[in-house]
Amino acid sequence: MGNRRIKSAERLFSIIEAFREYGRLGVTELSDILNISKANAHHYVSTLRDYDYVVKKNDKYELGLEFFAVAVDTREQSPVYRVAKEDLARLADETGETAWCMVEQNGMGMFIDGYIAGRSIDRESIIGTWKPLHANSAGKAILANLPADRRNTIIDRSELEPLTENTITERNKLRQELKEIQERGFSTNFGEDLSGIHAVGTPIFDQNSEVAAGISVAGSATRLTKEYCKNELAPLVRSVADDIEFNLAYR
């Protein structure tokens, strides 16, 4: 992999990440952070500015909204996102809770869409952020249905960080739960990523019978009891997943 990397591209992405971390930066600040000359920093920033990926405000620069346009276009290109929107909104309305859609890339999950019936969860702070698969219901639903070799690679490489006291952090225990999820067709999350929040998730399969995403419903543990999640919510989430899969195949 190292021999295939382009140094200038690496530098460009490191500049973008610096703006992402620090916000507004001057050329001198950027050169100090990345240990490059001010001339080089200025050349890179000027190039990004020419394409509207960086904008100048007073004597400093920041990321431009062109990145937002790219993100919107990227999400729109996802068949699952386009197909699942209406069903996801319906799921939130029918349950009175929050419905999410997650996709996996490189062993991590990202919520690409969500609909909130109540306002207990900040939707905008969650969409577009990376989440570990092992600690939430949509992620476990995806992980359980990946090809075995890929699933094992992800588990072996993951640190299985404990997000709460209920997070599964033992690999053998996680593998056993994933096996059970695959057999029953849905996953649960009882306070594993956020204390006091319960959730049910299920996979979305594409027309090639490969897992394309996971959807979930999450809410307060006082409303979403374990019994309710398993006996009532899980069949409803699975039914909506079936509708999404049908639309994926025939739209």
C-alpha atoms as a PDB file:
ATOM      1  CA  MET A   1       0.000   0.000   0.000  1.00  0.00           C
ATOM      2  CA  GLY A   2       2.808   2.398   0.893  1.00  0.00           C
ATOM      3  CA  ASN A   3       4.364   2.243  -2.573  1.00  0.00           C
ATOM      4  CA  ARG A   4       1.055   3.207  -4.163  1.00  0.00           C
ATOM      5  CA  ARG A   5       0.581   6.377  -2.122  1.00  0.00           C
ATOM      6  CA  ILE A   6       0.997   9.771  -3.744  1.00  0.00           C
ATOM      7  CA  LYS A   7       2.828  12.144  -1.436  1.00  0.00           C
ATOM      8  CA  SER A   8       1.078  15.275  -2.668  1.00  0.00           C
ATOM      9  CA  ALA A   9      -2.332  13.645  -2.195  1.00  0.00           C
ATOM     10  CA  GLU A  10      -1.384  12.601   1.335  1.00  0.00           C
ATOM     11  CA  ARG A  11      -0.348  16.159   2.101  1.00  0.00           C
ATOM     12  CA  LEU A  12      -3.585  17.528   0.669  1.00  0.00           C
ATOM     13  CA  PHE A  13      -5.673  15.230   2.849  1.00  0.00           C
ATOM     14  CA  SER A  14      -3.593  16.093   5.914  1.00  0.00           C
ATOM     15  CA  ILE A  15      -4.394  19.765   5.287  1.00  0.00           C
ATOM     16  CA  ILE A  16      -8.096  19.008   4.986  1.00  0.00           C
ATOM     17  CA  GLU A  17      -7.964  17.038   8.241  1.00  0.00           C
ATOM     18  CA  ALA A  18      -6.151  19.910   9.951  1.00  0.00           C
ATOM     19  CA  PHE A  19      -8.930  22.309   8.982  1.00  0.00           C
ATOM     20  CA  ARG A  20     -11.462  19.735  10.130  1.00  0.00           C
ATOM     21  CA  GLU A  21      -9.820  19.484  13.545  1.00  0.00           C
ATOM     22  CA  TYR A  22      -8.839  23.082  14.204  1.00  0.00           C
ATOM     23  CA  GLY A  23     -11.430  25.075  12.253  1.00  0.00           C
ATOM     24  CA  ARG A  24     -10.124  28.411  10.936  1.00  0.00           C
ATOM     25  CA  LEU A  25      -6.394  28.526  10.320  1.00  0.00           C
ATOM     26  CA  GLY A  26      -3.924  30.969   8.886  1.00  0.00           C
ATOM     27  CA  VAL A  27      -1.147  29.834   6.556  1.00  0.00           C
ATOM     28  CA  THR A  28       1.467  30.192   9.307  1.00  0.00           C
ATOM     29  CA  GLU A  29      -0.629  28.133  11.745  1.00  0.00           C
ATOM     30  CA  LEU A  30      -1.168  25.459   9.120  1.00  0.00           C
ATOM     31  CA  SER A  31       2.523  25.268   8.287  1.00  0.00           C
ATOM     32  CA  ASP A  32       3.376  24.913  11.988  1.00  0.00           C
ATOM     33  CA  ILE A  33       0.772  22.179  12.561  1.00  0.00           C
ATOM     34  CA  LEU A  34       1.933  20.105   9.568  1.00  0.00           C
ATOM     35  CA  ASN A  35       5.613  21.050   9.748  1.00  0.00           C
ATOM     36  CA  ILE A  36       5.712  22.301   6.158  1.00  0.00           C
ATOM     37  CA  SER A  37       6.905  25.580   4.695  1.00  0.00           C
ATOM     38  CA  LYS A  38       4.536  28.519   4.533  1.00  0.00           C
ATOM     39  CA  ALA A  39       4.996  28.595   0.781  1.00  0.00           C
ATOM     40  CA  ASN A  40       3.851  24.987   0.444  1.00  0.00           C
ATOM     41  CA  ALA A  41       0.934  25.561   2.800  1.00  0.00           C
ATOM     42  CA  HIS A  42      -0.127  28.578   0.751  1.00  0.00           C
ATOM     43  CA  HIS A  43       0.055  26.634  -2.540  1.00  0.00           C
ATOM     44  CA  TYR A  44      -2.143  23.838  -1.220  1.00  0.00           C
ATOM     45  CA  VAL A  45      -4.656  26.211   0.350  1.00  0.00           C
ATOM     46  CA  SER A  46      -4.828  28.281  -2.817  1.00  0.00           C
ATOM     47  CA  THR A  47      -5.563  25.172  -4.877  1.00  0.00           C
ATOM     48  CA  LEU A  48      -8.325  24.100  -2.495  1.00  0.00           C
ATOM     49  CA  ARG A  49      -9.709  27.629  -2.590  1.00  0.00           C
ATOM     50  CA  ASP A  50      -9.795  27.627  -6.402  1.00  0.00           C
ATOM     51  CA  TYR A  51     -12.141  24.618  -6.253  1.00  0.00           C
ATOM     52  CA  ASP A  52     -14.261  26.074  -3.391  1.00  0.00           C
ATOM     53  CA  TYR A  53     -13.170  23.427  -0.900  1.00  0.00           C
ATOM     54  CA  VAL A  54     -11.585  26.153   1.245  1.00  0.00           C
ATOM     55  CA  VAL A  55     -12.829  29.707   1.739  1.00  0.00           C
ATOM     56  CA  LYS A  56     -11.031  32.740   3.140  1.00  0.00           C
ATOM     57  CA  LYS A  57     -12.492  34.822   5.923  1.00  0.00           C
ATOM     58  CA  ASN A  58     -10.435  37.841   6.879  1.00  0.00           C
ATOM     59  CA  ASP A  59      -6.868  36.545   7.124  1.00  0.00           C
ATOM     60  CA  LYS A  60      -7.737  32.908   7.825  1.00  0.00           C
ATOM     61  CA  TYR A  61      -9.150  29.943   5.928  1.00  0.00           C
ATOM     62  CA  GLU A  62     -11.757  27.285   6.668  1.00  0.00           C
ATOM     63  CA  LEU A  63     -13.400  24.352   4.902  1.00  0.00           C
ATOM     64  CA  GLY A  64     -15.953  25.352   2.288  1.00  0.00           C
ATOM     65  CA  LEU A  65     -19.488  24.122   1.752  1.00  0.00           C
ATOM     66  CA  GLU A  66     -18.392  22.277  -1.380  1.00  0.00           C
ATOM     67  CA  PHE A  67     -17.588  19.399   0.978  1.00  0.00           C
ATOM     68  CA  PHE A  68     -21.220  19.421   2.079  1.00  0.00           C
ATOM     69  CA  ALA A  69     -22.341  19.276  -1.550  1.00  0.00           C
ATOM     70  CA  VAL A  70     -20.090  16.263  -2.121  1.00  0.00           C
ATOM     71  CA  ALA A  71     -21.471  14.544   0.986  1.00  0.00           C
ATOM     72  CA  VAL A  72     -25.060  15.116  -0.141  1.00  0.00           C
ATOM     73  CA  ASP A  73     -24.289  13.763  -3.607  1.00  0.00           C
ATOM     74  CA  THR A  74     -22.501  10.754  -2.114  1.00  0.00           C
ATOM     75  CA  ARG A  75     -25.491   9.885   0.040  1.00  0.00           C
ATOM     76  CA  GLU A  76     -27.907  10.346  -2.853  1.00  0.00           C
ATOM     77  CA  GLN A  77     -25.928   7.779  -4.839  1.00  0.00           C
ATOM     78  CA  SER A  78     -26.700   5.124  -2.218  1.00  0.00           C
ATOM     79  CA  PRO A  79     -29.602   2.933  -3.432  1.00  0.00           C
ATOM     80  CA  VAL A  80     -30.478   2.061   0.166  1.00  0.00           C
ATOM     81  CA  TYR A  81     -30.747   5.711   1.149  1.00  0.00           C
ATOM     82  CA  ARG A  82     -32.978   6.581  -1.799  1.00  0.00           C
ATOM     83  CA  VAL A  83     -35.257   3.585  -1.305  1.00  0.00           C
ATOM     84  CA  ALA A  84     -35.437   3.501   2.497  1.00  0.00           C
ATOM     85  CA  LYS A  85     -36.356   7.130   3.228  1.00  0.00           C
ATOM     86  CA  GLU A  86     -40.128   6.771   3.209  1.00  0.00           C
ATOM     87  CA  ASP A  87     -40.152   3.443   5.026  1.00  0.00           C
ATOM     88  CA  LEU A  88     -37.749   4.752   7.660  1.00  0.00           C
ATOM     89  CA  ALA A  89     -39.962   7.777   8.305  1.00  0.00           C
ATOM     90  CA  ARG A  90     -43.000   5.476   8.549  1.00  0.00           C
ATOM     91  CA  LEU A  91     -41.171   3.259  11.035  1.00  0.00           C
ATOM     92  CA  ALA A  92     -40.435   6.260  13.255  1.00  0.00           C
ATOM     93  CA  ASP A  93     -44.060   7.401  13.090  1.00  0.00           C
ATOM     94  CA  GLU A  94     -45.487   3.942  13.820  1.00  0.00           C
ATOM     95  CA  THR A  95     -43.227   3.319  16.802  1.00  0.00           C
ATOM     96  CA  GLY A  96     -43.093   6.870  18.131  1.00  0.00           C
ATOM     97  CA  GLU A  97     -39.329   6.428  18.440  1.00  0.00           C
ATOM     98  CA  THR A  98     -36.213   7.132  16.354  1.00  0.00           C
ATOM     99  CA  ALA A  99     -35.467   5.085  13.246  1.00  0.00           C
ATOM    100  CA  TRP A 100     -31.974   4.867  11.759  1.00  0.00           C
ATOM    101  CA  CYS A 101     -30.268   3.528   8.656  1.00  0.00           C
ATOM    102  CA  MET A 102     -26.594   2.519   8.864  1.00  0.00           C
ATOM    103  CA  VAL A 103     -24.111   1.397   6.232  1.00  0.00           C
ATOM    104  CA  GLU A 104     -20.692  -0.195   6.743  1.00  0.00           C
ATOM    105  CA  GLN A 105     -17.358   0.735   5.217  1.00  0.00           C
ATOM    106  CA  ASN A 106     -13.912  -0.443   6.262  1.00  0.00           C
ATOM    107  CA  GLY A 107     -15.217  -2.157   9.372  1.00  0.00           C
ATOM    108  CA  MET A 108     -17.066   0.871  10.769  1.00  0.00           C
ATOM    109  CA  GLY A 109     -20.685   1.943  10.548  1.00  0.00           C
ATOM    110  CA  MET A 110     -22.179   5.308   9.624  1.00  0.00           C
ATOM    111  CA  PHE A 111     -25.751   6.410  10.124  1.00  0.00           C
ATOM    112  CA  ILE A 112     -26.701   7.900   6.762  1.00  0.00           C
ATOM    113  CA  ASP A 113     -30.279   8.762   7.657  1.00  0.00           C
ATOM    114  CA  GLY A 114     -32.623   8.969  10.618  1.00  0.00           C
ATOM    115  CA  TYR A 115     -36.129  10.073  11.520  1.00  0.00           C
ATOM    116  CA  ILE A 116     -37.203  11.160  14.961  1.00  0.00           C
ATOM    117  CA  ALA A 117     -40.718  10.906  16.319  1.00  0.00           C
ATOM    118  CA  GLY A 118     -39.663  12.387  19.671  1.00  0.00           C
ATOM    119  CA  ARG A 119     -36.768  14.759  20.287  1.00  0.00           C
ATOM    120  CA  SER A 120     -34.722  12.840  22.836  1.00  0.00           C
ATOM    121  CA  ILE A 121     -31.828  12.241  20.405  1.00  0.00           C
ATOM    122  CA  ASP A 122     -29.917  14.886  18.448  1.00  0.00           C
ATOM    123  CA  ARG A 123     -30.293  13.585  14.879  1.00  0.00           C
ATOM    124  CA  GLU A 124     -27.802  15.987  13.312  1.00  0.00           C
ATOM    125  CA  SER A 125     -25.017  15.079  15.736  1.00  0.00           C
ATOM    126  CA  ILE A 126     -25.301  11.394  14.814  1.00  0.00           C
ATOM    127  CA  ILE A 127     -25.797  11.324  11.038  1.00  0.00           C
ATOM    128  CA  GLY A 128     -22.453  11.276   9.250  1.00  0.00           C
ATOM    129  CA  THR A 129     -20.410  10.073  12.222  1.00  0.00           C
ATOM    130  CA  TRP A 130     -18.554   6.769  12.352  1.00  0.00           C
ATOM    131  CA  LYS A 131     -19.688   4.200  14.910  1.00  0.00           C
ATOM    132  CA  PRO A 132     -18.159   0.860  15.961  1.00  0.00           C
ATOM    133  CA  LEU A 133     -20.314  -1.990  14.706  1.00  0.00           C
ATOM    134  CA  HIS A 134     -20.142  -4.077  17.863  1.00  0.00           C
ATOM    135  CA  ALA A 135     -21.914  -1.587  20.130  1.00  0.00           C
ATOM    136  CA  ASN A 136     -25.213  -0.831  18.413  1.00  0.00           C
ATOM    137  CA  SER A 137     -28.099  -2.820  16.983  1.00  0.00           C
ATOM    138  CA  ALA A 138     -27.825  -1.749  13.327  1.00  0.00           C
ATOM    139  CA  GLY A 139     -24.088  -2.391  13.383  1.00  0.00           C
ATOM    140  CA  LYS A 140     -24.464  -5.846  14.909  1.00  0.00           C
ATOM    141  CA  ALA A 141     -27.164  -6.700  12.364  1.00  0.00           C
ATOM    142  CA  ILE A 142     -24.738  -5.811   9.578  1.00  0.00           C
ATOM    143  CA  LEU A 143     -21.751  -7.528  11.168  1.00  0.00           C
ATOM    144  CA  ALA A 144     -23.689 -10.750  11.781  1.00  0.00           C
ATOM    145  CA  ASN A 145     -24.542 -11.056   8.100  1.00  0.00           C
ATOM    146  CA  LEU A 146     -21.232 -10.206   6.465  1.00  0.00           C
ATOM    147  CA  PRO A 147     -19.270 -13.068   4.881  1.00  0.00           C
ATOM    148  CA  ALA A 148     -17.553 -15.037   7.649  1.00  0.00           C
ATOM    149  CA  ASP A 149     -14.001 -14.149   6.641  1.00  0.00           C
ATOM    150  CA  ARG A 150     -14.773 -10.433   6.499  1.00  0.00           C
ATOM    151  CA  ARG A 151     -16.695 -10.544   9.755  1.00  0.00           C
ATOM    152  CA  ASN A 152     -13.810 -12.274  11.513  1.00  0.00           C
ATOM    153  CA  THR A 153     -11.295  -9.811  10.105  1.00  0.00           C
ATOM    154  CA  ILE A 154     -13.323  -6.872  11.434  1.00  0.00           C
ATOM    155  CA  ILE A 155     -13.702  -8.471  14.863  1.00  0.00           C
ATOM    156  CA  ASP A 156     -10.020  -9.398  15.086  1.00  0.00           C
ATOM    157  CA  ARG A 157      -8.908  -5.882  14.130  1.00  0.00           C
ATOM    158  CA  SER A 158     -11.396  -4.054  16.308  1.00  0.00           C
ATOM    159  CA  GLU A 159     -10.435  -2.917  19.786  1.00  0.00           C
ATOM    160  CA  LEU A 160     -14.044  -3.598  20.918  1.00  0.00           C
ATOM    161  CA  GLU A 161     -13.961  -0.421  22.951  1.00  0.00           C
ATOM    162  CA  PRO A 162     -16.407  -0.363  25.894  1.00  0.00           C
ATOM    163  CA  LEU A 163     -18.788   2.564  25.394  1.00  0.00           C
ATOM    164  CA  THR A 164     -20.844   1.632  28.472  1.00  0.00           C
ATOM    165  CA  GLU A 165     -20.664  -1.066  31.095  1.00  0.00           C
ATOM    166  CA  ASN A 166     -22.969  -3.170  28.891  1.00  0.00           C
ATOM    167  CA  THR A 167     -20.843  -3.086  25.734  1.00  0.00           C
ATOM    168  CA  ILE A 168     -19.674  -6.496  24.552  1.00  0.00           C
ATOM    169  CA  THR A 169     -15.873  -6.438  24.639  1.00  0.00           C
ATOM    170  CA  GLU A 170     -15.019 -10.155  24.487  1.00  0.00           C
ATOM    171  CA  ARG A 171     -14.544 -11.510  20.975  1.00  0.00           C
ATOM    172  CA  ASN A 172     -15.935 -14.975  21.665  1.00  0.00           C
ATOM    173  CA  LYS A 173     -19.013 -13.529  23.344  1.00  0.00           C
ATOM    174  CA  LEU A 174     -19.532 -11.168  20.398  1.00  0.00           C
ATOM    175  CA  ARG A 175     -19.197 -14.016  17.900  1.00  0.00           C
ATOM    176  CA  GLN A 176     -21.797 -16.032  19.799  1.00  0.00           C
ATOM    177  CA  GLU A 177     -24.238 -13.137  19.815  1.00  0.00           C
ATOM    178  CA  LEU A 178     -23.695 -12.505  16.106  1.00  0.00           C
ATOM    179  CA  LYS A 179     -24.492 -16.158  15.432  1.00  0.00           C
ATOM    180  CA  GLU A 180     -27.761 -15.806  17.342  1.00  0.00           C
ATOM    181  CA  ILE A 181     -28.578 -12.586  15.476  1.00  0.00           C
ATOM    182  CA  GLN A 182     -28.070 -14.305  12.141  1.00  0.00           C
ATOM    183  CA  GLU A 183     -30.368 -17.143  13.174  1.00  0.00           C
ATOM    184  CA  ARG A 184     -33.237 -15.052  14.535  1.00  0.00           C
ATOM    185  CA  GLY A 185     -33.025 -12.190  12.020  1.00  0.00           C
ATOM    186  CA  PHE A 186     -32.729  -9.228  14.389  1.00  0.00           C
ATOM    187  CA  SER A 187     -30.312  -7.700  16.885  1.00  0.00           C
ATOM    188  CA  THR A 188     -30.777  -5.902  20.174  1.00  0.00           C
ATOM    189  CA  ASN A 189     -28.856  -3.216  21.992  1.00  0.00           C
ATOM    190  CA  PHE A 190     -29.641  -2.838  25.650  1.00  0.00           C
ATOM    191  CA  GLY A 191     -27.609   0.178  26.754  1.00  0.00           C
ATOM    192  CA  GLU A 192     -24.484  -0.939  24.919  1.00  0.00           C
ATOM    193  CA  ASP A 193     -23.608   2.346  23.212  1.00  0.00           C
ATOM    194  CA  LEU A 194     -25.659   4.805  25.280  1.00  0.00           C
ATOM    195  CA  SER A 195     -26.794   4.147  28.835  1.00  0.00           C
ATOM    196  CA  GLY A 196     -30.564   4.138  29.168  1.00  0.00           C
ATOM    197  CA  ILE A 197     -31.195   3.567  25.455  1.00  0.00           C
ATOM    198  CA  HIS A 198     -32.534   0.309  24.008  1.00  0.00           C
ATOM    199  CA  ALA A 199     -32.727  -0.542  20.313  1.00  0.00           C
ATOM    200  CA  VAL A 200     -33.654  -3.242  17.827  1.00  0.00           C
ATOM    201  CA  GLY A 201     -31.922  -3.663  14.474  1.00  0.00           C
ATOM    202  CA  THR A 202     -32.185  -5.837  11.399  1.00  0.00           C
ATOM    203  CA  PRO A 203     -30.166  -6.212   8.195  1.00  0.00           C
ATOM    204  CA  ILE A 204     -31.137  -4.982   4.739  1.00  0.00           C
ATOM    205  CA  PHE A 205     -30.142  -7.343   1.930  1.00  0.00           C
ATOM    206  CA  ASP A 206     -29.711  -6.292  -1.688  1.00  0.00           C
ATOM    207  CA  GLN A 207     -30.816  -8.226  -4.770  1.00  0.00           C
ATOM    208  CA  ASN A 208     -27.616 -10.278  -4.577  1.00  0.00           C
ATOM    209  CA  SER A 209     -28.505 -11.399  -1.028  1.00  0.00           C
ATOM    210  CA  GLU A 210     -25.589  -9.388   0.369  1.00  0.00           C
ATOM    211  CA  VAL A 211     -26.066  -7.205   3.421  1.00  0.00           C
ATOM    212  CA  ALA A 212     -26.300  -3.606   2.228  1.00  0.00           C
ATOM    213  CA  ALA A 213     -27.294  -1.785   5.410  1.00  0.00           C
ATOM    214  CA  GLY A 214     -28.909  -2.097   8.784  1.00  0.00           C
ATOM    215  CA  ILE A 215     -31.966  -0.308  10.132  1.00  0.00           C
ATOM    216  CA  SER A 216     -32.861   0.152  13.766  1.00  0.00           C
ATOM    217  CA  VAL A 217     -35.331   1.719  16.157  1.00  0.00           C
ATOM    218  CA  ALA A 218     -33.985   3.264  19.344  1.00  0.00           C
ATOM    219  CA  GLY A 219     -35.553   4.893  22.361  1.00  0.00           C
ATOM    220  CA  SER A 220     -35.649   5.144  26.118  1.00  0.00           C
ATOM    221  CA  ALA A 221     -35.208   1.863  27.985  1.00  0.00           C
ATOM    222  CA  THR A 222     -38.270   2.717  30.067  1.00  0.00           C
ATOM    223  CA  ARG A 223     -40.418   2.551  26.925  1.00  0.00           C
ATOM    224  CA  LEU A 224     -38.459  -0.036  24.954  1.00  0.00           C
ATOM    225  CA  THR A 225     -38.299  -2.804  27.522  1.00  0.00           C
ATOM    226  CA  LYS A 226     -36.451  -6.000  26.641  1.00  0.00           C
ATOM    227  CA  GLU A 227     -39.719  -7.901  26.276  1.00  0.00           C
ATOM    228  CA  TYR A 228     -41.243  -5.231  24.036  1.00  0.00           C
ATOM    229  CA  CYS A 229     -38.104  -5.094  21.886  1.00  0.00           C
ATOM    230  CA  LYS A 230     -38.017  -8.834  21.293  1.00  0.00           C
ATOM    231  CA  ASN A 231     -41.722  -9.617  21.038  1.00  0.00           C
ATOM    232  CA  GLU A 232     -43.289  -6.557  19.399  1.00  0.00           C
ATOM    233  CA  LEU A 233     -40.682  -4.165  18.014  1.00  0.00           C
ATOM    234  CA  ALA A 234     -38.456  -6.745  16.299  1.00  0.00           C
ATOM    235  CA  PRO A 235     -41.231  -8.125  14.025  1.00  0.00           C
ATOM    236  CA  LEU A 236     -42.221  -4.589  13.028  1.00  0.00           C
ATOM    237  CA  VAL A 237     -38.644  -3.578  12.171  1.00  0.00           C
ATOM    238  CA  ARG A 238     -38.201  -6.807  10.198  1.00  0.00           C
ATOM    239  CA  SER A 239     -41.435  -6.131   8.300  1.00  0.00           C
ATOM    240  CA  VAL A 240     -40.229  -2.673   7.261  1.00  0.00           C
ATOM    241  CA  ALA A 241     -36.879  -4.175   6.248  1.00  0.00           C
ATOM    242  CA  ASP A 242     -38.761  -6.602   4.004  1.00  0.00           C
ATOM    243  CA  ASP A 243     -40.481  -3.661   2.300  1.00  0.00           C
ATOM    244  CA  ILE A 244     -37.163  -1.901   1.751  1.00  0.00           C
ATOM    245  CA  GLU A 245     -35.614  -5.055   0.302  1.00  0.00           C
ATOM    246  CA  PHE A 246     -38.549  -5.490  -2.079  1.00  0.00           C
ATOM    247  CA  ASN A 247     -38.180  -1.915  -3.281  1.00  0.00           C
ATOM    248  CA  LEU A 248     -34.428  -2.338  -3.667  1.00  0.00           C
ATOM    249  CA  ALA A 249     -35.012  -5.310  -5.913  1.00  0.00           C
ATOM    250  CA  TYR A 250     -37.825  -3.928  -8.070  1.00  0.00           C
ATOM    251  CA  ARG A 251     -37.461  -0.156  -8.254  1.00  0.00           C
END
